[in-house]
Amino acid sequence: VLAAAVKQENSQVVILPKSGLCDAMGARAAAKLGASIVSGVTELPD
């Protein structure tokens, strides 16, 4: 569902809160989309 939403909205950046569910789905969505994924982010991007 997340991957489909990314494609529909043409999203370049996807934000996930920290949780067991989001950790699991985020990794799988990254594989589906060929996306870069970074966990444990603590600040806004530079």
ModelCIF file with pLDDT and N, C-alpha, C, O atoms, coordinates in Angstrom:
data_MODEL
#
_entry.id   MODEL 
#
_entity.id                         1 
_entity.type                       polymer 
_entity.pdbx_number_of_molecules   1 
#
_entity_poly.entity_id                      1 
_entity_poly.type                           'polypeptide(L)' 
_entity_poly.nstd_linkage                   no 
_entity_poly.nstd_monomer                   no 
_entity_poly.pdbx_seq_one_letter_code       VLAAAVKQENSQVVILPKSGLCDAMGARAAAKLGASIVSGVTELPD 
_entity_poly.pdbx_seq_one_letter_code_can   VLAAAVKQENSQVVILPKSGLCDAMGARAAAKLGASIVSGVTELPD 
_entity_poly.pdbx_strand_id                 A 
#
loop_
_entity_poly_seq.entity_id 
_entity_poly_seq.num 
_entity_poly_seq.mon_id 
_entity_poly_seq.hetero 
1 1  VAL n 
1 2  LEU n 
1 3  ALA n 
1 4  ALA n 
1 5  ALA n 
1 6  VAL n 
1 7  LYS n 
1 8  GLN n 
1 9  GLU n 
1 10 ASN n 
1 11 SER n 
1 12 GLN n 
1 13 VAL n 
1 14 VAL n 
1 15 ILE n 
1 16 LEU n 
1 17 PRO n 
1 18 LYS n 
1 19 SER n 
1 20 GLY n 
1 21 LEU n 
1 22 CYS n 
1 23 ASP n 
1 24 ALA n 
1 25 MET n 
1 26 GLY n 
1 27 ALA n 
1 28 ARG n 
1 29 ALA n 
1 30 ALA n 
1 31 ALA n 
1 32 LYS n 
1 33 LEU n 
1 34 GLY n 
1 35 ALA n 
1 36 SER n 
1 37 ILE n 
1 38 VAL n 
1 39 SER n 
1 40 GLY n 
1 41 VAL n 
1 42 THR n 
1 43 GLU n 
1 44 LEU n 
1 45 PRO n 
1 46 ASP n 
#
_struct_asym.id          A 
_struct_asym.entity_id   1 
#
loop_
_ma_qa_metric.id 
_ma_qa_metric.mode 
_ma_qa_metric.name 
_ma_qa_metric.software_group_id 
_ma_qa_metric.type 
1 global pLDDT . pLDDT 
2 local  pLDDT . pLDDT 
#
_ma_qa_metric_global.metric_id      1 
_ma_qa_metric_global.metric_value   95.52 
_ma_qa_metric_global.model_id       1 
_ma_qa_metric_global.ordinal_id     1 
#
loop_
_ma_qa_metric_local.label_asym_id 
_ma_qa_metric_local.label_comp_id 
_ma_qa_metric_local.label_seq_id 
_ma_qa_metric_local.metric_id 
_ma_qa_metric_local.metric_value 
_ma_qa_metric_local.model_id 
_ma_qa_metric_local.ordinal_id 
A VAL 1  2 97.00 1 1  
A LEU 2  2 97.00 1 2  
A ALA 3  2 97.00 1 3  
A ALA 4  2 97.00 1 4  
A ALA 5  2 97.00 1 5  
A VAL 6  2 97.00 1 6  
A LYS 7  2 97.00 1 7  
A GLN 8  2 96.00 1 8  
A GLU 9  2 96.00 1 9  
A ASN 10 2 96.00 1 10 
A SER 11 2 97.00 1 11 
A GLN 12 2 97.00 1 12 
A VAL 13 2 98.00 1 13 
A VAL 14 2 98.00 1 14 
A ILE 15 2 98.00 1 15 
A LEU 16 2 98.00 1 16 
A PRO 17 2 95.00 1 17 
A LYS 18 2 90.00 1 18 
A SER 19 2 89.00 1 19 
A GLY 20 2 87.00 1 20 
A LEU 21 2 91.00 1 21 
A CYS 22 2 94.00 1 22 
A ASP 23 2 93.00 1 23 
A ALA 24 2 93.00 1 24 
A MET 25 2 95.00 1 25 
A GLY 26 2 96.00 1 26 
A ALA 27 2 95.00 1 27 
A ARG 28 2 96.00 1 28 
A ALA 29 2 97.00 1 29 
A ALA 30 2 97.00 1 30 
A ALA 31 2 96.00 1 31 
A LYS 32 2 96.00 1 32 
A LEU 33 2 97.00 1 33 
A GLY 34 2 97.00 1 34 
A ALA 35 2 97.00 1 35 
A SER 36 2 97.00 1 36 
A ILE 37 2 97.00 1 37 
A VAL 38 2 97.00 1 38 
A SER 39 2 95.00 1 39 
A GLY 40 2 93.00 1 40 
A VAL 41 2 95.00 1 41 
A THR 42 2 93.00 1 42 
A GLU 43 2 94.00 1 43 
A LEU 44 2 96.00 1 44 
A PRO 45 2 97.00 1 45 
A ASP 46 2 96.00 1 46 
#
loop_
_atom_site.group_PDB 
_atom_site.id 
_atom_site.type_symbol 
_atom_site.label_atom_id 
_atom_site.label_alt_id 
_atom_site.label_comp_id 
_atom_site.label_asym_id 
_atom_site.label_entity_id 
_atom_site.label_seq_id 
_atom_site.pdbx_PDB_ins_code 
_atom_site.Cartn_x 
_atom_site.Cartn_y 
_atom_site.Cartn_z 
_atom_site.occupancy 
_atom_site.B_iso_or_equiv 
_atom_site.pdbx_formal_charge 
_atom_site.auth_seq_id 
_atom_site.auth_comp_id 
_atom_site.auth_asym_id 
_atom_site.auth_atom_id 
_atom_site.pdbx_PDB_model_num 
ATOM 1   N N  . VAL A 1 1  ? 0.840  -1.203 0.000  1.00 97.00 ? 1  VAL A N  1 
ATOM 2   C CA . VAL A 1 1  ? 0.000  0.000  0.000  1.00 97.00 ? 1  VAL A CA 1 
ATOM 3   C C  . VAL A 1 1  ? 0.872  1.249  0.000  1.00 97.00 ? 1  VAL A C  1 
ATOM 4   O O  . VAL A 1 1  ? 0.603  2.201  -0.733 1.00 97.00 ? 1  VAL A O  1 
ATOM 5   N N  . LEU A 1 2  ? 1.915  1.244  0.823  1.00 97.00 ? 2  LEU A N  1 
ATOM 6   C CA . LEU A 1 2  ? 2.820  2.396  0.882  1.00 97.00 ? 2  LEU A CA 1 
ATOM 7   C C  . LEU A 1 2  ? 3.494  2.617  -0.466 1.00 97.00 ? 2  LEU A C  1 
ATOM 8   O O  . LEU A 1 2  ? 3.581  3.752  -0.933 1.00 97.00 ? 2  LEU A O  1 
ATOM 9   N N  . ALA A 1 3  ? 3.973  1.546  -1.098 1.00 97.00 ? 3  ALA A N  1 
ATOM 10  C CA . ALA A 1 3  ? 4.637  1.671  -2.396 1.00 97.00 ? 3  ALA A CA 1 
ATOM 11  C C  . ALA A 1 3  ? 3.676  2.215  -3.446 1.00 97.00 ? 3  ALA A C  1 
ATOM 12  O O  . ALA A 1 3  ? 4.057  3.039  -4.277 1.00 97.00 ? 3  ALA A O  1 
ATOM 13  N N  . ALA A 1 4  ? 2.420  1.749  -3.405 1.00 97.00 ? 4  ALA A N  1 
ATOM 14  C CA . ALA A 1 4  ? 1.423  2.234  -4.364 1.00 97.00 ? 4  ALA A CA 1 
ATOM 15  C C  . ALA A 1 4  ? 1.146  3.721  -4.158 1.00 97.00 ? 4  ALA A C  1 
ATOM 16  O O  . ALA A 1 4  ? 0.969  4.460  -5.126 1.00 97.00 ? 4  ALA A O  1 
ATOM 17  N N  . ALA A 1 5  ? 1.109  4.161  -2.900 1.00 97.00 ? 5  ALA A N  1 
ATOM 18  C CA . ALA A 1 5  ? 0.876  5.577  -2.618 1.00 97.00 ? 5  ALA A CA 1 
ATOM 19  C C  . ALA A 1 5  ? 2.042  6.433  -3.103 1.00 97.00 ? 5  ALA A C  1 
ATOM 20  O O  . ALA A 1 5  ? 1.839  7.525  -3.633 1.00 97.00 ? 5  ALA A O  1 
ATOM 21  N N  . VAL A 1 6  ? 3.252  5.936  -2.920 1.00 97.00 ? 6  VAL A N  1 
ATOM 22  C CA . VAL A 1 6  ? 4.438  6.666  -3.387 1.00 97.00 ? 6  VAL A CA 1 
ATOM 23  C C  . VAL A 1 6  ? 4.362  6.866  -4.896 1.00 97.00 ? 6  VAL A C  1 
ATOM 24  O O  . VAL A 1 6  ? 4.645  7.952  -5.402 1.00 97.00 ? 6  VAL A O  1 
ATOM 25  N N  . LYS A 1 7  ? 3.977  5.809  -5.611 1.00 97.00 ? 7  LYS A N  1 
ATOM 26  C CA . LYS A 1 7  ? 3.906  5.903  -7.068 1.00 97.00 ? 7  LYS A CA 1 
ATOM 27  C C  . LYS A 1 7  ? 2.778  6.828  -7.505 1.00 97.00 ? 7  LYS A C  1 
ATOM 28  O O  . LYS A 1 7  ? 2.956  7.627  -8.425 1.00 97.00 ? 7  LYS A O  1 
ATOM 29  N N  . GLN A 1 8  ? 1.618  6.732  -6.856 1.00 96.00 ? 8  GLN A N  1 
ATOM 30  C CA . GLN A 1 8  ? 0.491  7.584  -7.239 1.00 96.00 ? 8  GLN A CA 1 
ATOM 31  C C  . GLN A 1 8  ? 0.801  9.058  -7.025 1.00 96.00 ? 8  GLN A C  1 
ATOM 32  O O  . GLN A 1 8  ? 0.477  9.902  -7.861 1.00 96.00 ? 8  GLN A O  1 
ATOM 33  N N  . GLU A 1 9  ? 1.442  9.361  -5.879 1.00 96.00 ? 9  GLU A N  1 
ATOM 34  C CA . GLU A 1 9  ? 1.704  10.758 -5.526 1.00 96.00 ? 9  GLU A CA 1 
ATOM 35  C C  . GLU A 1 9  ? 3.037  11.268 -6.053 1.00 96.00 ? 9  GLU A C  1 
ATOM 36  O O  . GLU A 1 9  ? 3.388  12.433 -5.863 1.00 96.00 ? 9  GLU A O  1 
ATOM 37  N N  . ASN A 1 10 ? 3.780  10.378 -6.722 1.00 96.00 ? 10 ASN A N  1 
ATOM 38  C CA . ASN A 1 10 ? 5.109  10.744 -7.231 1.00 96.00 ? 10 ASN A CA 1 
ATOM 39  C C  . ASN A 1 10 ? 5.979  11.333 -6.117 1.00 96.00 ? 10 ASN A C  1 
ATOM 40  O O  . ASN A 1 10 ? 6.567  12.405 -6.261 1.00 96.00 ? 10 ASN A O  1 
ATOM 41  N N  . SER A 1 11 ? 6.041  10.605 -5.014 1.00 97.00 ? 11 SER A N  1 
ATOM 42  C CA . SER A 1 11 ? 6.752  11.090 -3.822 1.00 97.00 ? 11 SER A CA 1 
ATOM 43  C C  . SER A 1 11 ? 8.250  10.823 -3.941 1.00 97.00 ? 11 SER A C  1 
ATOM 44  O O  . SER A 1 11 ? 8.674  9.737  -4.336 1.00 97.00 ? 11 SER A O  1 
ATOM 45  N N  . GLN A 1 12 ? 9.025  11.819 -3.598 1.00 97.00 ? 12 GLN A N  1 
ATOM 46  C CA . GLN A 1 12 ? 10.483 11.649 -3.576 1.00 97.00 ? 12 GLN A CA 1 
ATOM 47  C C  . GLN A 1 12 ? 11.004 11.359 -2.165 1.00 97.00 ? 12 GLN A C  1 
ATOM 48  O O  . GLN A 1 12 ? 12.075 10.775 -2.000 1.00 97.00 ? 12 GLN A O  1 
ATOM 49  N N  . VAL A 1 13 ? 10.237 11.774 -1.149 1.00 98.00 ? 13 VAL A N  1 
ATOM 50  C CA . VAL A 1 13 ? 10.643 11.567 0.242  1.00 98.00 ? 13 VAL A CA 1 
ATOM 51  C C  . VAL A 1 13 ? 9.486  10.922 0.991  1.00 98.00 ? 13 VAL A C  1 
ATOM 52  O O  . VAL A 1 13 ? 8.345  11.374 0.898  1.00 98.00 ? 13 VAL A O  1 
ATOM 53  N N  . VAL A 1 14 ? 9.792  9.856  1.740  1.00 98.00 ? 14 VAL A N  1 
ATOM 54  C CA . VAL A 1 14 ? 8.791  9.142  2.536  1.00 98.00 ? 14 VAL A CA 1 
ATOM 55  C C  . VAL A 1 14 ? 9.245  9.175  3.991  1.00 98.00 ? 14 VAL A C  1 
ATOM 56  O O  . VAL A 1 14 ? 10.392 8.847  4.293  1.00 98.00 ? 14 VAL A O  1 
ATOM 57  N N  . ILE A 1 15 ? 8.349  9.569  4.891  1.00 98.00 ? 15 ILE A N  1 
ATOM 58  C CA . ILE A 1 15 ? 8.677  9.666  6.316  1.00 98.00 ? 15 ILE A CA 1 
ATOM 59  C C  . ILE A 1 15 ? 7.889  8.611  7.082  1.00 98.00 ? 15 ILE A C  1 
ATOM 60  O O  . ILE A 1 15 ? 6.678  8.477  6.906  1.00 98.00 ? 15 ILE A O  1 
ATOM 61  N N  . LEU A 1 16 ? 8.589  7.862  7.936  1.00 98.00 ? 16 LEU A N  1 
ATOM 62  C CA . LEU A 1 16 ? 7.964  6.847  8.767  1.00 98.00 ? 16 LEU A CA 1 
ATOM 63  C C  . LEU A 1 16 ? 8.277  7.127  10.234 1.00 98.00 ? 16 LEU A C  1 
ATOM 64  O O  . LEU A 1 16 ? 9.426  7.415  10.567 1.00 98.00 ? 16 LEU A O  1 
ATOM 65  N N  . PRO A 1 17 ? 7.280  7.051  11.119 1.00 95.00 ? 17 PRO A N  1 
ATOM 66  C CA . PRO A 1 17 ? 7.580  7.132  12.558 1.00 95.00 ? 17 PRO A CA 1 
ATOM 67  C C  . PRO A 1 17 ? 8.268  5.857  13.012 1.00 95.00 ? 17 PRO A C  1 
ATOM 68  O O  . PRO A 1 17 ? 8.257  4.852  12.302 1.00 95.00 ? 17 PRO A O  1 
ATOM 69  N N  . LYS A 1 18 ? 8.863  5.898  14.185 1.00 90.00 ? 18 LYS A N  1 
ATOM 70  C CA . LYS A 1 18 ? 9.556  4.724  14.718 1.00 90.00 ? 18 LYS A CA 1 
ATOM 71  C C  . LYS A 1 18 ? 8.556  3.776  15.365 1.00 90.00 ? 18 LYS A C  1 
ATOM 72  O O  . LYS A 1 18 ? 7.857  4.150  16.306 1.00 90.00 ? 18 LYS A O  1 
ATOM 73  N N  . SER A 1 19 ? 8.490  2.548  14.857 1.00 89.00 ? 19 SER A N  1 
ATOM 74  C CA . SER A 1 19 ? 7.684  1.494  15.470 1.00 89.00 ? 19 SER A CA 1 
ATOM 75  C C  . SER A 1 19 ? 8.089  0.169  14.843 1.00 89.00 ? 19 SER A C  1 
ATOM 76  O O  . SER A 1 19 ? 8.749  0.144  13.804 1.00 89.00 ? 19 SER A O  1 
ATOM 77  N N  . GLY A 1 20 ? 7.696  -0.928 15.471 1.00 87.00 ? 20 GLY A N  1 
ATOM 78  C CA . GLY A 1 20 ? 7.997  -2.233 14.907 1.00 87.00 ? 20 GLY A CA 1 
ATOM 79  C C  . GLY A 1 20 ? 7.342  -2.425 13.558 1.00 87.00 ? 20 GLY A C  1 
ATOM 80  O O  . GLY A 1 20 ? 7.949  -2.980 12.642 1.00 87.00 ? 20 GLY A O  1 
ATOM 81  N N  . LEU A 1 21 ? 6.096  -1.965 13.425 1.00 91.00 ? 21 LEU A N  1 
ATOM 82  C CA . LEU A 1 21 ? 5.391  -2.069 12.154 1.00 91.00 ? 21 LEU A CA 1 
ATOM 83  C C  . LEU A 1 21 ? 6.090  -1.267 11.068 1.00 91.00 ? 21 LEU A C  1 
ATOM 84  O O  . LEU A 1 21 ? 6.296  -1.770 9.964  1.00 91.00 ? 21 LEU A O  1 
ATOM 85  N N  . CYS A 1 22 ? 6.456  -0.032 11.366 1.00 94.00 ? 22 CYS A N  1 
ATOM 86  C CA . CYS A 1 22 ? 7.083  0.825  10.355 1.00 94.00 ? 22 CYS A CA 1 
ATOM 87  C C  . CYS A 1 22 ? 8.465  0.323  9.964  1.00 94.00 ? 22 CYS A C  1 
ATOM 88  O O  . CYS A 1 22 ? 8.855  0.437  8.802  1.00 94.00 ? 22 CYS A O  1 
ATOM 89  N N  . ASP A 1 23 ? 9.207  -0.228 10.912 1.00 93.00 ? 23 ASP A N  1 
ATOM 90  C CA . ASP A 1 23 ? 10.516 -0.799 10.573 1.00 93.00 ? 23 ASP A CA 1 
ATOM 91  C C  . ASP A 1 23 ? 10.359 -1.920 9.561  1.00 93.00 ? 23 ASP A C  1 
ATOM 92  O O  . ASP A 1 23 ? 11.120 -2.008 8.597  1.00 93.00 ? 23 ASP A O  1 
ATOM 93  N N  . ALA A 1 24 ? 9.358  -2.784 9.784  1.00 93.00 ? 24 ALA A N  1 
ATOM 94  C CA . ALA A 1 24 ? 9.158  -3.933 8.909  1.00 93.00 ? 24 ALA A CA 1 
ATOM 95  C C  . ALA A 1 24 ? 8.630  -3.521 7.539  1.00 93.00 ? 24 ALA A C  1 
ATOM 96  O O  . ALA A 1 24 ? 9.116  -4.005 6.517  1.00 93.00 ? 24 ALA A O  1 
ATOM 97  N N  . MET A 1 25 ? 7.648  -2.641 7.511  1.00 95.00 ? 25 MET A N  1 
ATOM 98  C CA . MET A 1 25 ? 7.060  -2.249 6.238  1.00 95.00 ? 25 MET A CA 1 
ATOM 99  C C  . MET A 1 25 ? 7.984  -1.338 5.443  1.00 95.00 ? 25 MET A C  1 
ATOM 100 O O  . MET A 1 25 ? 7.995  -1.387 4.213  1.00 95.00 ? 25 MET A O  1 
ATOM 101 N N  . GLY A 1 26 ? 8.766  -0.498 6.142  1.00 96.00 ? 26 GLY A N  1 
ATOM 102 C CA . GLY A 1 26 ? 9.660  0.415  5.451  1.00 96.00 ? 26 GLY A CA 1 
ATOM 103 C C  . GLY A 1 26 ? 10.715 -0.311 4.642  1.00 96.00 ? 26 GLY A C  1 
ATOM 104 O O  . GLY A 1 26 ? 10.990 0.055  3.499  1.00 96.00 ? 26 GLY A O  1 
ATOM 105 N N  . ALA A 1 27 ? 11.309 -1.344 5.234  1.00 95.00 ? 27 ALA A N  1 
ATOM 106 C CA . ALA A 1 27 ? 12.338 -2.107 4.525  1.00 95.00 ? 27 ALA A CA 1 
ATOM 107 C C  . ALA A 1 27 ? 11.752 -2.792 3.296  1.00 95.00 ? 27 ALA A C  1 
ATOM 108 O O  . ALA A 1 27 ? 12.380 -2.820 2.238  1.00 95.00 ? 27 ALA A O  1 
ATOM 109 N N  . ARG A 1 28 ? 10.553 -3.342 3.436  1.00 96.00 ? 28 ARG A N  1 
ATOM 110 C CA . ARG A 1 28 ? 9.920  -4.028 2.308  1.00 96.00 ? 28 ARG A CA 1 
ATOM 111 C C  . ARG A 1 28 ? 9.522  -3.040 1.213  1.00 96.00 ? 28 ARG A C  1 
ATOM 112 O O  . ARG A 1 28 ? 9.664  -3.331 0.025  1.00 96.00 ? 28 ARG A O  1 
ATOM 113 N N  . ALA A 1 29 ? 9.024  -1.873 1.618  1.00 97.00 ? 29 ALA A N  1 
ATOM 114 C CA . ALA A 1 29 ? 8.660  -0.862 0.626  1.00 97.00 ? 29 ALA A CA 1 
ATOM 115 C C  . ALA A 1 29 ? 9.889  -0.356 -0.121 1.00 97.00 ? 29 ALA A C  1 
ATOM 116 O O  . ALA A 1 29 ? 9.832  -0.100 -1.324 1.00 97.00 ? 29 ALA A O  1 
ATOM 117 N N  . ALA A 1 30 ? 11.002 -0.213 0.601  1.00 97.00 ? 30 ALA A N  1 
ATOM 118 C CA . ALA A 1 30 ? 12.239 0.237  -0.050 1.00 97.00 ? 30 ALA A CA 1 
ATOM 119 C C  . ALA A 1 30 ? 12.676 -0.746 -1.130 1.00 97.00 ? 30 ALA A C  1 
ATOM 120 O O  . ALA A 1 30 ? 13.136 -0.344 -2.199 1.00 97.00 ? 30 ALA A O  1 
ATOM 121 N N  . ALA A 1 31 ? 12.530 -2.037 -0.842 1.00 96.00 ? 31 ALA A N  1 
ATOM 122 C CA . ALA A 1 31 ? 12.893 -3.049 -1.831 1.00 96.00 ? 31 ALA A CA 1 
ATOM 123 C C  . ALA A 1 31 ? 11.973 -2.980 -3.052 1.00 96.00 ? 31 ALA A C  1 
ATOM 124 O O  . ALA A 1 31 ? 12.431 -3.127 -4.185 1.00 96.00 ? 31 ALA A O  1 
ATOM 125 N N  . LYS A 1 32 ? 10.681 -2.758 -2.821 1.00 96.00 ? 32 LYS A N  1 
ATOM 126 C CA . LYS A 1 32 ? 9.728  -2.671 -3.918 1.00 96.00 ? 32 LYS A CA 1 
ATOM 127 C C  . LYS A 1 32 ? 9.994  -1.456 -4.801 1.00 96.00 ? 32 LYS A C  1 
ATOM 128 O O  . LYS A 1 32 ? 9.811  -1.513 -6.017 1.00 96.00 ? 32 LYS A O  1 
ATOM 129 N N  . LEU A 1 33 ? 10.428 -0.357 -4.184 1.00 97.00 ? 33 LEU A N  1 
ATOM 130 C CA . LEU A 1 33 ? 10.591 0.909  -4.903 1.00 97.00 ? 33 LEU A CA 1 
ATOM 131 C C  . LEU A 1 33 ? 12.013 1.154  -5.386 1.00 97.00 ? 33 LEU A C  1 
ATOM 132 O O  . LEU A 1 33 ? 12.252 2.082  -6.159 1.00 97.00 ? 33 LEU A O  1 
ATOM 133 N N  . GLY A 1 34 ? 12.965 0.330  -4.937 1.00 97.00 ? 34 GLY A N  1 
ATOM 134 C CA . GLY A 1 34 ? 14.368 0.601  -5.232 1.00 97.00 ? 34 GLY A CA 1 
ATOM 135 C C  . GLY A 1 34 ? 14.830 1.881  -4.569 1.00 97.00 ? 34 GLY A C  1 
ATOM 136 O O  . GLY A 1 34 ? 15.639 2.625  -5.123 1.00 97.00 ? 34 GLY A O  1 
ATOM 137 N N  . ALA A 1 35 ? 14.306 2.134  -3.368 1.00 97.00 ? 35 ALA A N  1 
ATOM 138 C CA . ALA A 1 35 ? 14.559 3.397  -2.674 1.00 97.00 ? 35 ALA A CA 1 
ATOM 139 C C  . ALA A 1 35 ? 15.729 3.287  -1.698 1.00 97.00 ? 35 ALA A C  1 
ATOM 140 O O  . ALA A 1 35 ? 16.074 2.194  -1.248 1.00 97.00 ? 35 ALA A O  1 
ATOM 141 N N  . SER A 1 36 ? 16.327 4.417  -1.382 1.00 97.00 ? 36 SER A N  1 
ATOM 142 C CA . SER A 1 36 ? 17.284 4.501  -0.283 1.00 97.00 ? 36 SER A CA 1 
ATOM 143 C C  . SER A 1 36 ? 16.497 4.583  1.019  1.00 97.00 ? 36 SER A C  1 
ATOM 144 O O  . SER A 1 36 ? 15.469 5.257  1.081  1.00 97.00 ? 36 SER A O  1 
ATOM 145 N N  . ILE A 1 37 ? 16.975 3.902  2.061  1.00 97.00 ? 37 ILE A N  1 
ATOM 146 C CA . ILE A 1 37 ? 16.273 3.952  3.343  1.00 97.00 ? 37 ILE A CA 1 
ATOM 147 C C  . ILE A 1 37 ? 17.272 4.193  4.461  1.00 97.00 ? 37 ILE A C  1 
ATOM 148 O O  . ILE A 1 37 ? 18.334 3.572  4.504  1.00 97.00 ? 37 ILE A O  1 
ATOM 149 N N  . VAL A 1 38 ? 16.925 5.101  5.367  1.00 97.00 ? 38 VAL A N  1 
ATOM 150 C CA . VAL A 1 38 ? 17.759 5.416  6.527  1.00 97.00 ? 38 VAL A CA 1 
ATOM 151 C C  . VAL A 1 38 ? 16.869 5.389  7.759  1.00 97.00 ? 38 VAL A C  1 
ATOM 152 O O  . VAL A 1 38 ? 15.822 6.036  7.786  1.00 97.00 ? 38 VAL A O  1 
ATOM 153 N N  . SER A 1 39 ? 17.280 4.645  8.776  1.00 95.00 ? 39 SER A N  1 
ATOM 154 C CA . SER A 1 39 ? 16.494 4.558  10.006 1.00 95.00 ? 39 SER A CA 1 
ATOM 155 C C  . SER A 1 39 ? 17.180 5.331  11.129 1.00 95.00 ? 39 SER A C  1 
ATOM 156 O O  . SER A 1 39 ? 18.354 5.686  11.028 1.00 95.00 ? 39 SER A O  1 
ATOM 157 N N  . GLY A 1 40 ? 16.431 5.584  12.196 1.00 93.00 ? 40 GLY A N  1 
ATOM 158 C CA . GLY A 1 40 ? 17.004 6.253  13.362 1.00 93.00 ? 40 GLY A CA 1 
ATOM 159 C C  . GLY A 1 40 ? 17.393 7.691  13.129 1.00 93.00 ? 40 GLY A C  1 
ATOM 160 O O  . GLY A 1 40 ? 18.327 8.185  13.762 1.00 93.00 ? 40 GLY A O  1 
ATOM 161 N N  . VAL A 1 41 ? 16.694 8.388  12.225 1.00 95.00 ? 41 VAL A N  1 
ATOM 162 C CA . VAL A 1 41 ? 17.017 9.779  11.901 1.00 95.00 ? 41 VAL A CA 1 
ATOM 163 C C  . VAL A 1 41 ? 16.630 10.680 13.071 1.00 95.00 ? 41 VAL A C  1 
ATOM 164 O O  . VAL A 1 41 ? 15.532 10.566 13.616 1.00 95.00 ? 41 VAL A O  1 
ATOM 165 N N  . THR A 1 42 ? 17.529 11.562 13.445 1.00 93.00 ? 42 THR A N  1 
ATOM 166 C CA . THR A 1 42 ? 17.337 12.373 14.654 1.00 93.00 ? 42 THR A CA 1 
ATOM 167 C C  . THR A 1 42 ? 17.128 13.856 14.395 1.00 93.00 ? 42 THR A C  1 
ATOM 168 O O  . THR A 1 42 ? 16.750 14.589 15.308 1.00 93.00 ? 42 THR A O  1 
ATOM 169 N N  . GLU A 1 43 ? 17.366 14.317 13.165 1.00 94.00 ? 43 GLU A N  1 
ATOM 170 C CA . GLU A 1 43 ? 17.251 15.741 12.864 1.00 94.00 ? 43 GLU A CA 1 
ATOM 171 C C  . GLU A 1 43 ? 16.673 15.928 11.469 1.00 94.00 ? 43 GLU A C  1 
ATOM 172 O O  . GLU A 1 43 ? 16.608 14.983 10.683 1.00 94.00 ? 43 GLU A O  1 
ATOM 173 N N  . LEU A 1 44 ? 16.256 17.146 11.168 1.00 96.00 ? 44 LEU A N  1 
ATOM 174 C CA . LEU A 1 44 ? 15.830 17.474 9.809  1.00 96.00 ? 44 LEU A CA 1 
ATOM 175 C C  . LEU A 1 44 ? 17.015 17.361 8.855  1.00 96.00 ? 44 LEU A C  1 
ATOM 176 O O  . LEU A 1 44 ? 18.152 17.593 9.264  1.00 96.00 ? 44 LEU A O  1 
ATOM 177 N N  . PRO A 1 45 ? 16.777 17.012 7.602  1.00 97.00 ? 45 PRO A N  1 
ATOM 178 C CA . PRO A 1 45 ? 17.895 16.839 6.662  1.00 97.00 ? 45 PRO A CA 1 
ATOM 179 C C  . PRO A 1 45 ? 18.610 18.154 6.353  1.00 97.00 ? 45 PRO A C  1 
ATOM 180 O O  . PRO A 1 45 ? 18.028 19.237 6.404  1.00 97.00 ? 45 PRO A O  1 
ATOM 181 N N  . ASP A 1 46 ? 19.881 18.013 6.036  1.00 96.00 ? 46 ASP A N  1 
ATOM 182 C CA . ASP A 1 46 ? 20.694 19.137 5.588  1.00 96.00 ? 46 ASP A CA 1 
ATOM 183 C C  . ASP A 1 46 ? 20.636 19.142 4.059  1.00 96.00 ? 46 ASP A C  1 
ATOM 184 O O  . ASP A 1 46 ? 21.245 20.001 3.421  1.00 96.00 ? 46 ASP A O  1 
#
